Amino acid sequence: MFKNPFVKNILSALAVAIFGFILLNLTFLFDYVFQTLVRGLIMSFIKIDLMTTRYWFPPMMHGLFVVVIGLISWSIFKSKLGTLYKAIYMTVPVAVVLVTIGIFFYQWPAIAFSAGGLFSFGVLYYFYRTKQPWIYYYAVILVTVTLAIMTVLGVEI
């Protein structure tokens, strides 16, 4: 049964959706821990509340988290992990970038959707040009569509 390519592809798509969802929850918990540790470290040297007194600090923290996820992602995508595992993990950097775009442009939904769409189409175009497996396309489209629907319906993370 698992030798059938159709069954294998359906199970792979389900694995990306299910394990990607679990990984995303762990990622946003990691974001909380990361930002709490960084704020605690900074607050041990500076005695002012940067979150409320400096308008640039919260976006900088989100940008810093994107950089951390980017570094982790680079090492994972350069590793010898299987395609399915990389596709499952791909939900993380795509979601982190899209959510960060949404955070930066939440006051301008048209710009947020446009920037998110450009990012997603750019990633898909890169996959097309480098002839990547279909499961990568699926992971990006799944995350993009899911986050777009959540945004339209007003779901908060």
N, C-alpha and C. Protein backbone atom coordinates (compact mmCIF):
# COMPACT_ATOMS: atom_id res chain seq x y z
N MET A 1 0.82 -1.19 0.00
CA MET A 1 0.00 0.00 0.00
C MET A 1 0.87 1.26 0.00
N PHE A 2 1.98 1.28 0.77
CA PHE A 2 2.84 2.45 0.84
C PHE A 2 3.73 2.58 -0.40
N LYS A 3 3.77 1.54 -1.22
CA LYS A 3 4.55 1.60 -2.46
C LYS A 3 3.80 2.36 -3.55
N ASN A 4 2.48 2.46 -3.41
CA ASN A 4 1.67 3.19 -4.37
C ASN A 4 2.02 4.68 -4.28
N PRO A 5 2.45 5.32 -5.39
CA PRO A 5 2.84 6.73 -5.35
C PRO A 5 1.71 7.66 -4.91
N PHE A 6 0.48 7.35 -5.27
CA PHE A 6 -0.65 8.19 -4.88
C PHE A 6 -0.83 8.18 -3.36
N VAL A 7 -0.79 6.99 -2.77
CA VAL A 7 -0.93 6.87 -1.31
C VAL A 7 0.25 7.54 -0.61
N LYS A 8 1.44 7.34 -1.14
CA LYS A 8 2.63 7.95 -0.56
C LYS A 8 2.52 9.48 -0.59
N ASN A 9 2.05 10.04 -1.70
CA ASN A 9 1.90 11.49 -1.81
C ASN A 9 0.84 12.03 -0.86
N ILE A 10 -0.27 11.33 -0.72
CA ILE A 10 -1.33 11.76 0.20
C ILE A 10 -0.81 11.72 1.63
N LEU A 11 -0.12 10.65 2.01
CA LEU A 11 0.44 10.55 3.36
C LEU A 11 1.51 11.62 3.61
N SER A 12 2.29 11.93 2.59
CA SER A 12 3.29 12.99 2.72
C SER A 12 2.63 14.35 2.94
N ALA A 13 1.57 14.62 2.18
CA ALA A 13 0.85 15.88 2.34
C ALA A 13 0.22 15.98 3.73
N LEU A 14 -0.34 14.89 4.22
CA LEU A 14 -0.90 14.88 5.57
C LEU A 14 0.19 15.08 6.62
N ALA A 15 1.34 14.47 6.40
CA ALA A 15 2.46 14.62 7.35
C ALA A 15 2.91 16.08 7.42
N VAL A 16 3.00 16.74 6.27
CA VAL A 16 3.38 18.16 6.26
C VAL A 16 2.36 18.98 7.02
N ALA A 17 1.08 18.72 6.80
CA ALA A 17 0.04 19.50 7.47
C ALA A 17 0.03 19.25 8.99
N ILE A 18 0.09 18.02 9.39
CA ILE A 18 -0.03 17.68 10.82
C ILE A 18 1.25 18.04 11.58
N PHE A 19 2.39 17.55 11.10
CA PHE A 19 3.64 17.82 11.82
C PHE A 19 4.09 19.27 11.65
N GLY A 20 3.73 19.88 10.53
CA GLY A 20 4.01 21.30 10.35
C GLY A 20 3.24 22.13 11.36
N PHE A 21 1.99 21.77 11.62
CA PHE A 21 1.18 22.47 12.63
C PHE A 21 1.80 22.33 14.02
N ILE A 22 2.23 21.14 14.35
CA ILE A 22 2.88 20.91 15.65
C ILE A 22 4.17 21.72 15.74
N LEU A 23 4.95 21.71 14.68
CA LEU A 23 6.20 22.45 14.66
C LEU A 23 5.97 23.95 14.75
N LEU A 24 4.92 24.44 14.13
CA LEU A 24 4.60 25.87 14.23
C LEU A 24 4.25 26.27 15.66
N ASN A 25 3.50 25.43 16.34
CA ASN A 25 3.18 25.72 17.74
C ASN A 25 4.45 25.76 18.58
N LEU A 26 5.35 24.83 18.35
CA LEU A 26 6.62 24.82 19.07
C LEU A 26 7.46 26.05 18.72
N THR A 27 7.39 26.48 17.47
CA THR A 27 8.14 27.66 17.04
C THR A 27 7.65 28.92 17.73
N PHE A 28 6.35 29.09 17.85
CA PHE A 28 5.85 30.29 18.49
C PHE A 28 6.08 30.25 20.01
N LEU A 29 6.15 29.07 20.59
CA LEU A 29 6.58 28.96 21.99
C LEU A 29 8.06 29.33 22.11
N PHE A 30 8.86 28.89 21.15
CA PHE A 30 10.27 29.26 21.12
C PHE A 30 10.43 30.77 20.96
N ASP A 31 9.58 31.39 20.16
CA ASP A 31 9.62 32.85 19.99
C ASP A 31 9.37 33.54 21.33
N TYR A 32 8.40 33.05 22.07
CA TYR A 32 8.11 33.64 23.38
C TYR A 32 9.32 33.50 24.31
N VAL A 33 9.89 32.31 24.37
CA VAL A 33 11.05 32.09 25.24
C VAL A 33 12.23 32.94 24.78
N PHE A 34 12.47 32.99 23.49
CA PHE A 34 13.57 33.77 22.94
C PHE A 34 13.42 35.25 23.28
N GLN A 35 12.24 35.80 23.03
CA GLN A 35 12.04 37.23 23.30
C GLN A 35 12.09 37.52 24.79
N THR A 36 11.59 36.62 25.61
CA THR A 36 11.65 36.81 27.06
C THR A 36 13.10 36.81 27.54
N LEU A 37 13.90 35.89 27.04
CA LEU A 37 15.31 35.83 27.43
C LEU A 37 16.07 37.07 26.96
N VAL A 38 15.85 37.49 25.73
CA VAL A 38 16.55 38.68 25.21
C VAL A 38 16.14 39.91 26.00
N ARG A 39 14.84 40.07 26.26
CA ARG A 39 14.38 41.23 27.06
C ARG A 39 14.96 41.18 28.46
N GLY A 40 15.00 40.01 29.06
CA GLY A 40 15.57 39.87 30.40
C GLY A 40 17.04 40.21 30.43
N LEU A 41 17.76 39.77 29.41
CA LEU A 41 19.19 40.08 29.32
C LEU A 41 19.40 41.59 29.17
N ILE A 42 18.63 42.21 28.30
CA ILE A 42 18.76 43.65 28.08
C ILE A 42 18.34 44.43 29.33
N MET A 43 17.26 43.99 29.95
CA MET A 43 16.76 44.68 31.14
C MET A 43 17.73 44.57 32.33
N SER A 44 18.61 43.58 32.30
CA SER A 44 19.59 43.48 33.38
C SER A 44 20.66 44.58 33.27
N PHE A 45 20.80 45.14 32.08
CA PHE A 45 21.75 46.23 31.87
C PHE A 45 21.08 47.60 31.79
N ILE A 46 19.87 47.63 31.25
CA ILE A 46 19.14 48.89 31.07
C ILE A 46 17.88 48.82 31.91
N LYS A 47 17.64 49.80 32.72
CA LYS A 47 16.52 49.75 33.67
C LYS A 47 15.24 50.42 33.15
N ILE A 48 15.12 50.64 31.84
CA ILE A 48 13.88 51.20 31.31
C ILE A 48 13.15 50.11 30.54
N ASP A 49 11.84 50.27 30.43
CA ASP A 49 11.02 49.30 29.71
C ASP A 49 11.07 49.63 28.22
N LEU A 50 11.90 48.90 27.49
CA LEU A 50 12.07 49.17 26.07
C LEU A 50 10.81 48.87 25.26
N MET A 51 9.99 47.94 25.73
CA MET A 51 8.79 47.55 24.98
C MET A 51 7.80 48.72 24.89
N THR A 52 7.73 49.56 25.89
CA THR A 52 6.75 50.65 25.87
C THR A 52 7.38 52.01 25.61
N THR A 53 8.68 52.16 25.85
CA THR A 53 9.29 53.48 25.68
C THR A 53 10.00 53.66 24.35
N ARG A 54 10.33 52.61 23.68
CA ARG A 54 11.05 52.70 22.40
C ARG A 54 10.21 52.01 21.33
N TYR A 55 9.68 52.81 20.40
CA TYR A 55 8.79 52.26 19.36
C TYR A 55 9.50 51.27 18.45
N TRP A 56 10.81 51.35 18.33
CA TRP A 56 11.57 50.50 17.43
C TRP A 56 11.92 49.14 18.03
N PHE A 57 11.78 48.99 19.34
CA PHE A 57 12.24 47.77 19.99
C PHE A 57 11.39 46.53 19.66
N PRO A 58 10.06 46.58 19.76
CA PRO A 58 9.29 45.37 19.42
C PRO A 58 9.49 44.90 17.98
N PRO A 59 9.48 45.80 16.96
CA PRO A 59 9.78 45.30 15.61
C PRO A 59 11.18 44.72 15.49
N MET A 60 12.14 45.31 16.21
CA MET A 60 13.49 44.78 16.17
C MET A 60 13.54 43.36 16.73
N MET A 61 12.77 43.11 17.77
CA MET A 61 12.73 41.77 18.36
C MET A 61 12.15 40.76 17.37
N HIS A 62 11.09 41.16 16.66
CA HIS A 62 10.52 40.26 15.65
C HIS A 62 11.51 40.02 14.52
N GLY A 63 12.19 41.07 14.09
CA GLY A 63 13.20 40.92 13.05
C GLY A 63 14.34 40.02 13.49
N LEU A 64 14.75 40.15 14.72
CA LEU A 64 15.82 39.32 15.27
C LEU A 64 15.40 37.85 15.29
N PHE A 65 14.13 37.60 15.61
CA PHE A 65 13.65 36.22 15.60
C PHE A 65 13.65 35.66 14.18
N VAL A 66 13.30 36.48 13.19
CA VAL A 66 13.35 36.03 11.80
C VAL A 66 14.78 35.64 11.43
N VAL A 67 15.74 36.42 11.87
CA VAL A 67 17.14 36.11 11.60
C VAL A 67 17.53 34.78 12.25
N VAL A 68 17.12 34.57 13.50
CA VAL A 68 17.43 33.31 14.19
C VAL A 68 16.81 32.12 13.44
N ILE A 69 15.56 32.25 13.05
CA ILE A 69 14.91 31.17 12.29
C ILE A 69 15.59 30.98 10.94
N GLY A 70 16.03 32.07 10.32
CA GLY A 70 16.75 31.97 9.05
C GLY A 70 18.05 31.19 9.19
N LEU A 71 18.78 31.45 10.26
CA LEU A 71 20.02 30.72 10.49
C LEU A 71 19.78 29.23 10.75
N ILE A 72 18.76 28.95 11.55
CA ILE A 72 18.40 27.55 11.81
C ILE A 72 17.95 26.88 10.51
N SER A 73 17.14 27.60 9.73
CA SER A 73 16.62 27.05 8.48
C SER A 73 17.74 26.77 7.49
N TRP A 74 18.70 27.68 7.41
CA TRP A 74 19.80 27.48 6.48
C TRP A 74 20.52 26.17 6.80
N SER A 75 20.78 25.93 8.08
CA SER A 75 21.48 24.69 8.43
C SER A 75 20.63 23.45 8.16
N ILE A 76 19.34 23.57 8.37
CA ILE A 76 18.46 22.41 8.11
C ILE A 76 18.36 22.13 6.62
N PHE A 77 18.21 23.18 5.81
CA PHE A 77 18.06 22.95 4.37
C PHE A 77 19.37 22.54 3.71
N LYS A 78 20.49 22.81 4.33
CA LYS A 78 21.79 22.36 3.80
C LYS A 78 22.14 20.95 4.30
N SER A 79 21.37 20.44 5.26
CA SER A 79 21.66 19.12 5.83
C SER A 79 21.22 18.01 4.87
N LYS A 80 21.48 16.80 5.27
CA LYS A 80 21.13 15.64 4.46
C LYS A 80 19.79 15.03 4.86
N LEU A 81 18.97 15.82 5.55
CA LEU A 81 17.63 15.35 5.90
C LEU A 81 16.85 15.04 4.62
N GLY A 82 15.87 14.18 4.77
CA GLY A 82 15.04 13.82 3.64
C GLY A 82 14.13 14.96 3.20
N THR A 83 13.64 14.87 2.00
CA THR A 83 12.78 15.90 1.43
C THR A 83 11.53 16.12 2.27
N LEU A 84 10.93 15.05 2.75
CA LEU A 84 9.71 15.18 3.55
C LEU A 84 9.99 15.96 4.84
N TYR A 85 11.09 15.67 5.50
CA TYR A 85 11.42 16.38 6.74
C TYR A 85 11.69 17.86 6.48
N LYS A 86 12.36 18.14 5.39
CA LYS A 86 12.61 19.54 5.04
C LYS A 86 11.30 20.25 4.68
N ALA A 87 10.38 19.55 4.02
CA ALA A 87 9.10 20.16 3.68
C ALA A 87 8.28 20.43 4.95
N ILE A 88 8.33 19.50 5.89
CA ILE A 88 7.64 19.74 7.16
C ILE A 88 8.24 20.95 7.85
N TYR A 89 9.55 21.03 7.89
CA TYR A 89 10.19 22.18 8.53
C TYR A 89 9.94 23.47 7.76
N MET A 90 9.76 23.38 6.46
CA MET A 90 9.57 24.58 5.65
C MET A 90 8.37 25.41 6.11
N THR A 91 7.43 24.78 6.78
CA THR A 91 6.29 25.53 7.30
C THR A 91 6.75 26.59 8.29
N VAL A 92 7.85 26.34 8.99
CA VAL A 92 8.33 27.27 10.03
C VAL A 92 8.84 28.58 9.44
N PRO A 93 9.87 28.56 8.57
CA PRO A 93 10.35 29.85 8.09
C PRO A 93 9.31 30.62 7.27
N VAL A 94 8.50 29.91 6.52
CA VAL A 94 7.47 30.60 5.73
C VAL A 94 6.46 31.27 6.66
N ALA A 95 6.00 30.56 7.67
CA ALA A 95 5.04 31.15 8.60
C ALA A 95 5.65 32.29 9.39
N VAL A 96 6.90 32.14 9.83
CA VAL A 96 7.54 33.20 10.61
C VAL A 96 7.67 34.47 9.78
N VAL A 97 8.10 34.34 8.54
CA VAL A 97 8.23 35.53 7.69
C VAL A 97 6.86 36.14 7.41
N LEU A 98 5.87 35.33 7.08
CA LEU A 98 4.54 35.87 6.79
C LEU A 98 3.91 36.53 8.01
N VAL A 99 4.06 35.92 9.16
CA VAL A 99 3.51 36.53 10.38
C VAL A 99 4.25 37.83 10.70
N THR A 100 5.55 37.85 10.50
CA THR A 100 6.31 39.08 10.74
C THR A 100 5.89 40.18 9.78
N ILE A 101 5.68 39.84 8.53
CA ILE A 101 5.15 40.82 7.57
C ILE A 101 3.80 41.33 8.05
N GLY A 102 2.96 40.43 8.51
CA GLY A 102 1.65 40.83 9.04
C GLY A 102 1.76 41.73 10.25
N ILE A 103 2.71 41.47 11.12
CA ILE A 103 2.92 42.30 12.31
C ILE A 103 3.40 43.69 11.91
N PHE A 104 4.35 43.74 10.98
CA PHE A 104 4.89 45.03 10.57
C PHE A 104 3.85 45.90 9.86
N PHE A 105 2.96 45.28 9.11
CA PHE A 105 2.00 46.03 8.30
C PHE A 105 0.55 45.80 8.71
N TYR A 106 0.30 45.50 9.98
CA TYR A 106 -1.07 45.20 10.42
C TYR A 106 -2.01 46.38 10.24
N GLN A 107 -1.48 47.60 10.24
CA GLN A 107 -2.34 48.77 10.06
C GLN A 107 -2.75 48.96 8.60
N TRP A 108 -2.04 48.32 7.69
CA TRP A 108 -2.31 48.43 6.26
C TRP A 108 -2.49 47.03 5.68
N PRO A 109 -3.69 46.46 5.79
CA PRO A 109 -3.90 45.08 5.35
C PRO A 109 -3.57 44.85 3.87
N ALA A 110 -3.83 45.83 3.02
CA ALA A 110 -3.52 45.65 1.60
C ALA A 110 -2.02 45.47 1.39
N ILE A 111 -1.23 46.23 2.10
CA ILE A 111 0.23 46.11 1.99
C ILE A 111 0.68 44.78 2.59
N ALA A 112 0.09 44.39 3.70
CA ALA A 112 0.46 43.12 4.33
C ALA A 112 0.17 41.94 3.39
N PHE A 113 -1.02 41.93 2.78
CA PHE A 113 -1.37 40.85 1.86
C PHE A 113 -0.48 40.89 0.62
N SER A 114 -0.20 42.08 0.12
CA SER A 114 0.64 42.21 -1.07
C SER A 114 2.06 41.74 -0.79
N ALA A 115 2.64 42.19 0.31
CA ALA A 115 4.00 41.79 0.66
C ALA A 115 4.07 40.29 0.93
N GLY A 116 3.07 39.75 1.64
CA GLY A 116 3.03 38.31 1.88
C GLY A 116 2.89 37.52 0.59
N GLY A 117 2.05 38.01 -0.30
CA GLY A 117 1.89 37.36 -1.60
C GLY A 117 3.17 37.40 -2.43
N LEU A 118 3.83 38.55 -2.43
CA LEU A 118 5.10 38.66 -3.16
C LEU A 118 6.15 37.71 -2.59
N PHE A 119 6.21 37.65 -1.27
CA PHE A 119 7.16 36.72 -0.64
C PHE A 119 6.85 35.28 -1.06
N SER A 120 5.58 34.88 -0.95
CA SER A 120 5.20 33.50 -1.27
C SER A 120 5.44 33.18 -2.74
N PHE A 121 5.06 34.09 -3.62
CA PHE A 121 5.30 33.85 -5.05
C PHE A 121 6.79 33.82 -5.35
N GLY A 122 7.57 34.64 -4.65
CA GLY A 122 9.02 34.61 -4.84
C GLY A 122 9.62 33.28 -4.45
N VAL A 123 9.15 32.73 -3.34
CA VAL A 123 9.65 31.42 -2.89
C VAL A 123 9.23 30.34 -3.89
N LEU A 124 7.97 30.39 -4.33
CA LEU A 124 7.50 29.40 -5.30
C LEU A 124 8.26 29.51 -6.62
N TYR A 125 8.55 30.72 -7.05
CA TYR A 125 9.33 30.92 -8.28
C TYR A 125 10.74 30.35 -8.12
N TYR A 126 11.33 30.57 -6.96
CA TYR A 126 12.66 30.00 -6.69
C TYR A 126 12.60 28.47 -6.79
N PHE A 127 11.57 27.88 -6.22
CA PHE A 127 11.43 26.42 -6.30
C PHE A 127 11.27 25.97 -7.75
N TYR A 128 10.51 26.73 -8.52
CA TYR A 128 10.31 26.39 -9.93
C TYR A 128 11.64 26.45 -10.69
N ARG A 129 12.40 27.52 -10.46
CA ARG A 129 13.67 27.71 -11.17
C ARG A 129 14.71 26.66 -10.77
N THR A 130 14.66 26.21 -9.53
CA THR A 130 15.63 25.22 -9.06
C THR A 130 15.08 23.80 -9.11
N LYS A 131 13.89 23.63 -9.67
CA LYS A 131 13.27 22.31 -9.88
C LYS A 131 13.19 21.50 -8.58
N GLN A 132 12.59 22.10 -7.58
CA GLN A 132 12.43 21.44 -6.28
C GLN A 132 11.22 20.49 -6.31
N PRO A 133 11.15 19.54 -5.38
CA PRO A 133 10.03 18.59 -5.32
C PRO A 133 8.69 19.30 -5.03
N TRP A 134 7.62 18.66 -5.44
CA TRP A 134 6.28 19.23 -5.29
C TRP A 134 5.92 19.49 -3.84
N ILE A 135 6.44 18.72 -2.92
CA ILE A 135 6.06 18.82 -1.51
C ILE A 135 6.49 20.17 -0.93
N TYR A 136 7.55 20.76 -1.47
CA TYR A 136 7.97 22.10 -1.04
C TYR A 136 6.92 23.14 -1.45
N TYR A 137 6.45 23.03 -2.68
CA TYR A 137 5.39 23.94 -3.15
C TYR A 137 4.18 23.81 -2.25
N TYR A 138 3.82 22.57 -1.97
CA TYR A 138 2.65 22.31 -1.14
C TYR A 138 2.80 22.95 0.23
N ALA A 139 3.97 22.83 0.85
CA ALA A 139 4.19 23.40 2.19
C ALA A 139 4.01 24.92 2.17
N VAL A 140 4.58 25.58 1.17
CA VAL A 140 4.47 27.04 1.08
C VAL A 140 3.02 27.45 0.83
N ILE A 141 2.37 26.79 -0.09
CA ILE A 141 0.97 27.14 -0.41
C ILE A 141 0.07 26.87 0.79
N LEU A 142 0.27 25.76 1.47
CA LEU A 142 -0.54 25.42 2.65
C LEU A 142 -0.43 26.50 3.72
N VAL A 143 0.78 26.90 4.04
CA VAL A 143 0.98 27.92 5.09
C VAL A 143 0.42 29.27 4.63
N THR A 144 0.69 29.65 3.40
CA THR A 144 0.23 30.94 2.89
C THR A 144 -1.29 31.03 2.89
N VAL A 145 -1.94 30.02 2.37
CA VAL A 145 -3.40 30.04 2.31
C VAL A 145 -4.00 29.98 3.72
N THR A 146 -3.44 29.16 4.58
CA THR A 146 -3.95 29.05 5.95
C THR A 146 -3.84 30.39 6.68
N LEU A 147 -2.69 31.04 6.59
CA LEU A 147 -2.52 32.32 7.27
C LEU A 147 -3.39 33.41 6.65
N ALA A 148 -3.58 33.37 5.34
CA ALA A 148 -4.46 34.35 4.69
C ALA A 148 -5.90 34.18 5.17
N ILE A 149 -6.35 32.94 5.24
CA ILE A 149 -7.72 32.68 5.73
C ILE A 149 -7.86 33.11 7.18
N MET A 150 -6.85 32.80 7.99
CA MET A 150 -6.90 33.22 9.40
C MET A 150 -6.97 34.73 9.52
N THR A 151 -6.24 35.44 8.68
CA THR A 151 -6.25 36.90 8.72
C THR A 151 -7.60 37.45 8.31
N VAL A 152 -8.17 36.91 7.25
CA VAL A 152 -9.48 37.38 6.78
C VAL A 152 -10.55 37.11 7.82
N LEU A 153 -10.47 35.98 8.50
CA LEU A 153 -11.47 35.63 9.50
C LEU A 153 -11.23 36.30 10.85
N GLY A 154 -10.09 36.99 11.00
CA GLY A 154 -9.80 37.70 12.23
C GLY A 154 -9.26 36.83 13.35
N VAL A 155 -8.72 35.67 13.00
CA VAL A 155 -8.14 34.79 14.01
C VAL A 155 -6.82 35.39 14.47
N GLU A 156 -6.58 35.37 15.76
CA GLU A 156 -5.32 35.86 16.29
C GLU A 156 -4.46 34.71 16.73
N ILE A 157 -3.16 34.90 16.59
CA ILE A 157 -2.22 33.83 16.97
C ILE A 157 -1.99 33.88 18.46
